């Protein structure tokens, strides 16, 4: 284990000393587990991670902090395939609690109990195929208990708890731009430049592996990572979750699977069940529109135009520009 480098890596992410010590201990335990099985940490594969996380679940030691420590270490080591797997395990942990809180805030505690009674996430780190049945049950309850407008509004919040500060610079750029079109063009150019930088450093963009083909795909469509204004709406297309695989795939089902970002629903595409209502994709819409909420300094409306759960080959959204914010 490269402990000195990992401590520095954690400190750069503003972890305090106690948290760093715990992260190092978590990685050390994983290393010891691998050594006992004749393997080493630096070459651990996704299969090794699955086996270890299953063990942690059985021992009730599958905490978010422990899995996050392992994710950070593999990220530091640029073990992209292993890091992406850890990220997929951790990516959904805040979604259901946040949606639950939004239901309570918007429709009351009694409605929260009615919708969420018996709806429980699988243990953190569970196999991806454990999540879609829970998602199907939840979205079914939301659709049956709430009117369509309220249902979409609940789902389209910041359910991943992304810090709004992430988009502060975009807000500043927007205020300085002469027009929305100028701002969006600049936003796209900056996004492409960032992808090129990450590729040169061998780093991921979030959970996406960047290749020259991926960069050309993004360059060719300003809707990806930025947006295109038409009338009073900004149209946005999500970059595929696994863009390299998506661009090289010809089978429509697999293409949809590689496009989908949602760890709570993705496996339903691969296995053709359970069918999850496309209404669920308003959760993804909430993730998309957050940047524009910050840019315009008020809540925006998002519409799901195409989504892979419903058979489309991409996830496509429209964000309405608030009144008085057009320029």
Protein backbone atom coordinates (compact mmCIF):
# COMPACT_ATOMS: atom_id res chain seq x y z
CA UNK A 1 0.00 0.00 0.00
CA UNK A 2 1.28 3.46 -0.90
CA UNK A 3 0.31 4.91 2.45
CA UNK A 4 2.22 8.20 2.29
CA UNK A 5 0.75 9.11 -1.09
CA UNK A 6 -2.73 8.07 0.02
CA UNK A 7 -2.57 10.20 3.16
CA UNK A 8 -1.62 13.19 1.05
CA UNK A 9 -4.42 12.37 -1.40
CA UNK A 10 -6.97 12.31 1.43
CA UNK A 11 -5.66 15.52 2.98
CA UNK A 12 -6.05 17.25 -0.39
CA UNK A 13 -9.73 16.31 -0.15
CA UNK A 14 -9.94 18.03 3.24
CA UNK A 15 -10.32 14.93 5.38
CA UNK A 16 -9.25 15.47 8.98
CA UNK A 17 -6.56 13.31 10.59
CA UNK A 18 -9.01 10.90 12.19
CA UNK A 19 -10.80 10.35 8.89
CA UNK A 20 -7.49 9.84 7.09
CA UNK A 21 -6.39 7.27 9.68
CA UNK A 22 -9.67 5.38 9.23
CA UNK A 23 -9.33 5.48 5.44
CA UNK A 24 -5.79 4.10 5.61
CA UNK A 25 -6.95 1.34 7.98
CA UNK A 26 -9.77 0.39 5.60
CA UNK A 27 -7.39 0.06 2.66
CA UNK A 28 -4.91 -1.85 4.81
CA UNK A 29 -7.61 -4.37 5.78
CA UNK A 30 -8.50 -4.89 2.13
CA UNK A 31 -4.83 -5.41 1.33
CA UNK A 32 -4.50 -8.00 4.12
CA UNK A 33 -7.59 -9.80 2.85
CA UNK A 34 -6.11 -9.98 -0.65
CA UNK A 35 -2.74 -11.15 0.65
CA UNK A 36 -4.42 -13.98 2.54
CA UNK A 37 -5.82 -15.13 -0.80
CA UNK A 38 -2.53 -14.88 -2.64
CA UNK A 39 -3.27 -11.54 -4.30
CA UNK A 40 -1.91 -8.02 -4.06
CA UNK A 41 -3.64 -4.69 -3.71
CA UNK A 42 -2.22 -2.98 -6.77
CA UNK A 43 -3.60 -5.60 -9.18
CA UNK A 44 -6.96 -6.26 -7.46
CA UNK A 45 -9.72 -6.79 -10.02
CA UNK A 46 -13.43 -5.95 -9.94
CA UNK A 47 -14.15 -9.58 -9.08
CA UNK A 48 -11.95 -9.29 -5.99
CA UNK A 49 -13.84 -6.18 -4.95
CA UNK A 50 -17.23 -7.89 -5.36
CA UNK A 51 -16.09 -10.81 -3.20
CA UNK A 52 -14.70 -8.50 -0.49
CA UNK A 53 -17.73 -6.21 -0.41
CA UNK A 54 -20.01 -9.27 -0.06
CA UNK A 55 -17.91 -10.28 2.94
CA UNK A 56 -18.24 -6.79 4.44
CA UNK A 57 -22.03 -6.93 4.02
CA UNK A 58 -22.18 -10.30 5.79
CA UNK A 59 -20.17 -8.81 8.67
CA UNK A 60 -22.20 -5.58 8.76
CA UNK A 61 -19.02 -3.61 8.03
CA UNK A 62 -20.10 -2.17 4.68
CA UNK A 63 -20.09 1.47 5.74
CA UNK A 64 -20.04 4.30 3.21
CA UNK A 65 -16.79 5.63 4.71
CA UNK A 66 -15.08 2.25 4.26
CA UNK A 67 -16.19 1.86 0.64
CA UNK A 68 -15.35 5.48 -0.09
CA UNK A 69 -11.84 4.96 1.25
CA UNK A 70 -11.34 2.02 -1.10
CA UNK A 71 -12.76 4.03 -3.98
CA UNK A 72 -10.40 6.90 -3.27
CA UNK A 73 -7.38 4.63 -3.16
CA UNK A 74 -8.21 2.97 -6.48
CA UNK A 75 -8.89 6.42 -7.94
CA UNK A 76 -5.49 7.62 -6.77
CA UNK A 77 -3.89 4.56 -8.38
CA UNK A 78 -5.80 5.24 -11.63
CA UNK A 79 -7.37 1.78 -11.48
CA UNK A 80 -10.25 3.17 -13.46
CA UNK A 81 -12.30 -0.03 -13.83
CA UNK A 82 -12.21 -0.72 -10.08
CA UNK A 83 -12.89 2.91 -9.19
CA UNK A 84 -15.92 3.01 -11.51
CA UNK A 85 -17.29 -0.09 -9.81
CA UNK A 86 -16.91 1.47 -6.36
CA UNK A 87 -18.52 4.68 -7.62
CA UNK A 88 -21.50 2.68 -8.89
CA UNK A 89 -21.93 1.16 -5.42
CA UNK A 90 -21.82 4.53 -3.72
CA UNK A 91 -23.66 6.69 -6.25
CA UNK A 92 -27.19 5.94 -5.10
CA UNK A 93 -26.78 6.07 -1.33
CA UNK A 94 -28.39 9.52 -0.88
CA UNK A 95 -31.15 9.28 -3.48
CA UNK A 96 -33.97 7.57 -1.57
CA UNK A 97 -33.46 9.49 1.69
CA UNK A 98 -33.49 12.78 -0.24
CA UNK A 99 -36.63 11.86 -2.18
CA UNK A 100 -38.24 10.83 1.12
CA UNK A 101 -37.43 14.23 2.61
CA UNK A 102 -38.83 16.00 -0.47
CA UNK A 103 -42.09 14.09 -0.22
CA UNK A 104 -42.41 15.08 3.43
CA UNK A 105 -41.61 18.73 2.70
CA UNK A 106 -43.96 18.98 -0.27
CA UNK A 107 -46.80 16.62 0.67
CA UNK A 108 -46.51 15.99 4.41
CA UNK A 109 -45.33 13.28 6.78
CA UNK A 110 -48.41 11.13 6.28
CA UNK A 111 -47.74 10.97 2.54
CA UNK A 112 -44.10 10.10 3.21
CA UNK A 113 -45.19 7.16 5.36
CA UNK A 114 -47.72 6.04 2.77
CA UNK A 115 -45.15 6.05 -0.06
CA UNK A 116 -42.08 4.77 1.76
CA UNK A 117 -43.59 2.18 4.08
CA UNK A 118 -41.79 -1.05 3.21
CA UNK A 119 -39.50 0.57 0.65
CA UNK A 120 -35.95 -0.19 1.74
CA UNK A 121 -32.68 0.05 -0.10
CA UNK A 122 -30.58 -3.14 -0.27
CA UNK A 123 -27.47 -3.09 1.94
CA UNK A 124 -24.82 -0.67 0.67
CA UNK A 125 -22.54 -2.51 -1.75
CA UNK A 126 -25.21 -4.99 -2.89
CA UNK A 127 -25.17 -6.45 -6.38
CA UNK A 128 -26.64 -3.96 -8.92
CA UNK A 129 -29.50 -6.33 -9.80
CA UNK A 130 -30.91 -5.90 -6.27
CA UNK A 131 -31.89 -2.28 -6.85
CA UNK A 132 -34.42 -2.18 -9.76
CA UNK A 133 -37.24 -4.00 -7.86
CA UNK A 134 -36.99 -1.36 -5.11
CA UNK A 135 -36.97 1.44 -7.67
CA UNK A 136 -40.00 0.02 -9.46
CA UNK A 137 -41.92 -0.20 -6.20
CA UNK A 138 -41.02 3.34 -5.19
CA UNK A 139 -41.88 5.02 -8.50
CA UNK A 140 -45.13 3.06 -8.62
CA UNK A 141 -46.06 4.44 -5.20
CA UNK A 142 -45.08 7.98 -6.21
CA UNK A 143 -47.19 7.81 -9.36
CA UNK A 144 -50.23 6.38 -7.58
CA UNK A 145 -50.17 8.72 -4.57
CA UNK A 146 -49.09 12.02 -6.14
CA UNK A 147 -50.47 13.90 -9.12
CA UNK A 148 -48.16 13.86 -12.17
CA UNK A 149 -46.88 17.42 -11.67
CA UNK A 150 -46.05 16.83 -7.99
CA UNK A 151 -44.46 13.47 -8.78
CA UNK A 152 -42.14 15.02 -11.36
CA UNK A 153 -41.30 17.90 -9.04
CA UNK A 154 -40.40 15.55 -6.18
CA UNK A 155 -38.15 13.48 -8.41
CA UNK A 156 -36.45 16.41 -10.13
CA UNK A 157 -34.74 17.74 -7.01
CA UNK A 158 -31.05 17.59 -6.17
CA UNK A 159 -31.44 14.00 -5.01
CA UNK A 160 -27.73 13.24 -5.32
CA UNK A 161 -26.93 16.15 -2.99
CA UNK A 162 -24.44 17.72 -5.37
CA UNK A 163 -22.95 20.89 -3.82
CA UNK A 164 -24.35 23.96 -5.55
CA UNK A 165 -20.91 25.54 -5.16
CA UNK A 166 -19.73 23.25 -7.98
CA UNK A 167 -21.45 25.60 -10.43
CA UNK A 168 -20.48 28.93 -8.90
CA UNK A 169 -17.99 29.69 -11.70
CA UNK A 170 -20.65 28.91 -14.30
CA UNK A 171 -22.93 31.48 -12.67
CA UNK A 172 -20.15 34.07 -12.85
CA UNK A 173 -19.50 33.26 -16.52
CA UNK A 174 -23.21 33.54 -17.31
CA UNK A 175 -23.48 36.97 -15.70
CA UNK A 176 -20.56 38.23 -17.81
CA UNK A 177 -21.79 36.71 -21.08
CA UNK A 178 -23.69 38.90 -23.54
CA UNK A 179 -26.19 36.16 -24.41
CA UNK A 180 -27.23 32.70 -23.25
CA UNK A 181 -26.04 31.32 -26.58
CA UNK A 182 -22.58 32.81 -26.03
CA UNK A 183 -22.47 31.36 -22.54
CA UNK A 184 -23.48 27.86 -23.69
CA UNK A 185 -20.91 27.86 -26.48
CA UNK A 186 -18.18 28.84 -24.03
CA UNK A 187 -19.41 26.24 -21.53
CA UNK A 188 -19.12 23.53 -24.16
CA UNK A 189 -15.65 24.63 -25.25
CA UNK A 190 -14.47 24.58 -21.64
CA UNK A 191 -16.00 21.12 -21.13
CA UNK A 192 -14.19 19.73 -24.19
CA UNK A 193 -10.90 21.29 -23.04
CA UNK A 194 -11.35 19.67 -19.63
CA UNK A 195 -11.96 16.25 -21.23
CA UNK A 196 -8.79 16.64 -23.29
CA UNK A 197 -6.83 17.51 -20.15
CA UNK A 198 -8.23 14.53 -18.22
CA UNK A 199 -7.48 12.15 -21.09
CA UNK A 200 -3.91 13.41 -21.24
CA UNK A 201 -3.53 12.74 -17.52
CA UNK A 202 -5.18 9.31 -17.73
CA UNK A 203 -7.96 10.41 -15.39
CA UNK A 204 -11.71 9.87 -15.46
CA UNK A 205 -14.41 12.45 -16.00
CA UNK A 206 -16.58 11.55 -13.02
CA UNK A 207 -17.10 7.87 -13.82
CA UNK A 208 -16.47 8.21 -17.56
CA UNK A 209 -13.36 6.92 -19.33
CA UNK A 210 -12.25 9.48 -21.89
CA UNK A 211 -10.83 8.45 -25.26
CA UNK A 212 -10.24 10.42 -28.49
CA UNK A 213 -13.48 8.92 -29.84
CA UNK A 214 -15.39 10.14 -26.78
CA UNK A 215 -13.98 13.64 -27.17
CA UNK A 216 -15.01 13.75 -30.81
CA UNK A 217 -18.51 12.59 -29.80
CA UNK A 218 -18.80 15.44 -27.32
CA UNK A 219 -17.28 17.99 -29.70
CA UNK A 220 -19.85 17.14 -32.34
CA UNK A 221 -22.83 17.91 -30.08
CA UNK A 222 -22.98 21.05 -27.96
CA UNK A 223 -25.96 19.59 -26.10
CA UNK A 224 -23.54 17.21 -24.33
CA UNK A 225 -22.05 18.76 -21.15
CA UNK A 226 -23.44 22.21 -22.06
CA UNK A 227 -26.69 22.73 -23.95
CA UNK A 228 -28.24 24.38 -26.99
CA UNK A 229 -30.92 27.06 -26.69
CA UNK A 230 -33.93 26.83 -28.94
CA UNK A 231 -36.63 29.33 -28.10
CA UNK A 232 -37.08 29.59 -24.34
CA UNK A 233 -35.57 26.17 -23.60
CA UNK A 234 -32.08 24.72 -23.28
CA UNK A 235 -31.76 21.22 -24.72
CA UNK A 236 -29.31 18.85 -23.04
CA UNK A 237 -28.14 15.33 -23.91
CA UNK A 238 -26.37 13.29 -21.23
CA UNK A 239 -22.96 11.86 -21.99
CA UNK A 240 -23.30 8.04 -21.84
CA UNK A 241 -22.38 6.44 -18.54
CA UNK A 242 -19.88 4.19 -20.33
CA UNK A 243 -19.12 6.32 -23.40
CA UNK A 244 -16.33 4.19 -24.88
CA UNK A 245 -18.49 1.06 -24.80
CA UNK A 246 -21.57 2.98 -25.95
CA UNK A 247 -19.87 4.36 -29.04
CA UNK A 248 -18.56 0.94 -30.08
CA UNK A 249 -21.80 -0.97 -29.40
CA UNK A 250 -24.33 -1.90 -32.10
CA UNK A 251 -26.90 -3.86 -30.09
CA UNK A 252 -29.69 -1.42 -29.05
CA UNK A 253 -30.23 -3.00 -25.62
CA UNK A 254 -26.56 -2.85 -24.72
CA UNK A 255 -26.32 0.68 -26.09
CA UNK A 256 -29.16 1.73 -23.76
CA UNK A 257 -27.45 -0.06 -20.88
CA UNK A 258 -24.17 1.76 -21.51
CA UNK A 259 -26.04 5.07 -21.75
CA UNK A 260 -27.85 4.78 -18.40
CA UNK A 261 -26.28 6.52 -15.40
CA UNK A 262 -28.76 5.33 -12.78
CA UNK A 263 -27.43 2.57 -10.47
CA UNK A 264 -31.00 2.10 -9.20
CA UNK A 265 -32.41 1.24 -12.62
CA UNK A 266 -29.64 0.31 -15.07
CA UNK A 267 -29.78 -3.45 -14.53
CA UNK A 268 -33.46 -3.52 -15.53
CA UNK A 269 -32.35 -2.68 -19.07
CA UNK A 270 -29.87 -5.52 -19.18
CA UNK A 271 -32.30 -8.13 -17.85
CA UNK A 272 -35.50 -6.74 -19.45
CA UNK A 273 -37.10 -6.62 -15.99
CA UNK A 274 -38.57 -5.24 -13.91
CA UNK A 275 -40.01 -2.51 -16.11
CA UNK A 276 -39.43 0.82 -14.42
CA UNK A 277 -41.64 3.75 -15.35
CA UNK A 278 -39.80 6.43 -17.37
CA UNK A 279 -41.14 8.92 -14.80
CA UNK A 280 -38.14 7.80 -12.73
CA UNK A 281 -35.89 9.64 -15.18
CA UNK A 282 -37.04 12.96 -13.73
CA UNK A 283 -34.52 12.13 -11.00
CA UNK A 284 -31.84 12.30 -13.68
CA UNK A 285 -33.51 15.48 -14.92
CA UNK A 286 -32.98 16.98 -11.48
CA UNK A 287 -29.27 16.20 -11.73
CA UNK A 288 -29.15 17.86 -15.17
CA UNK A 289 -31.04 21.01 -14.23
CA UNK A 290 -29.11 21.78 -11.03
CA UNK A 291 -26.41 23.60 -12.99
CA UNK A 292 -29.09 25.82 -14.54
CA UNK A 293 -30.79 26.39 -11.17
CA UNK A 294 -27.49 27.91 -10.03
CA UNK A 295 -26.81 29.76 -13.28
CA UNK A 296 -30.23 31.44 -13.29
CA UNK A 297 -30.32 31.71 -9.48
CA UNK A 298 -33.78 30.17 -9.29
CA UNK A 299 -35.55 26.83 -9.67
CA UNK A 300 -35.90 25.75 -13.30
CA UNK A 301 -38.34 23.32 -14.91
CA UNK A 302 -37.03 20.21 -16.65
CA UNK A 303 -38.78 17.95 -19.13
CA UNK A 304 -37.66 14.43 -20.03
CA UNK A 305 -37.82 14.16 -23.82
CA UNK A 306 -36.11 10.80 -24.40
CA UNK A 307 -34.86 8.18 -21.97
CA UNK A 308 -33.27 4.76 -22.22
CA UNK A 309 -35.74 3.14 -19.81
CA UNK A 310 -38.44 3.76 -22.40
CA UNK A 311 -36.45 2.36 -25.32
CA UNK A 312 -34.62 5.44 -26.56
CA UNK A 313 -30.88 5.36 -27.25
CA UNK A 314 -30.10 8.53 -25.30
CA UNK A 315 -31.29 10.60 -22.37
CA UNK A 316 -32.49 13.97 -23.65
CA UNK A 317 -33.88 16.87 -21.62
CA UNK A 318 -35.25 20.38 -21.99
CA UNK A 319 -34.74 23.05 -19.31
CA UNK A 320 -37.05 26.06 -19.47
CA UNK A 321 -35.33 29.42 -19.11
CA UNK A 322 -37.06 31.31 -16.27
CA UNK A 323 -38.94 34.49 -17.08
CA UNK A 324 -36.74 37.55 -16.91
CA UNK A 325 -33.49 35.54 -17.28
CA UNK A 326 -33.37 35.50 -21.07
CA UNK A 327 -30.60 37.49 -22.71
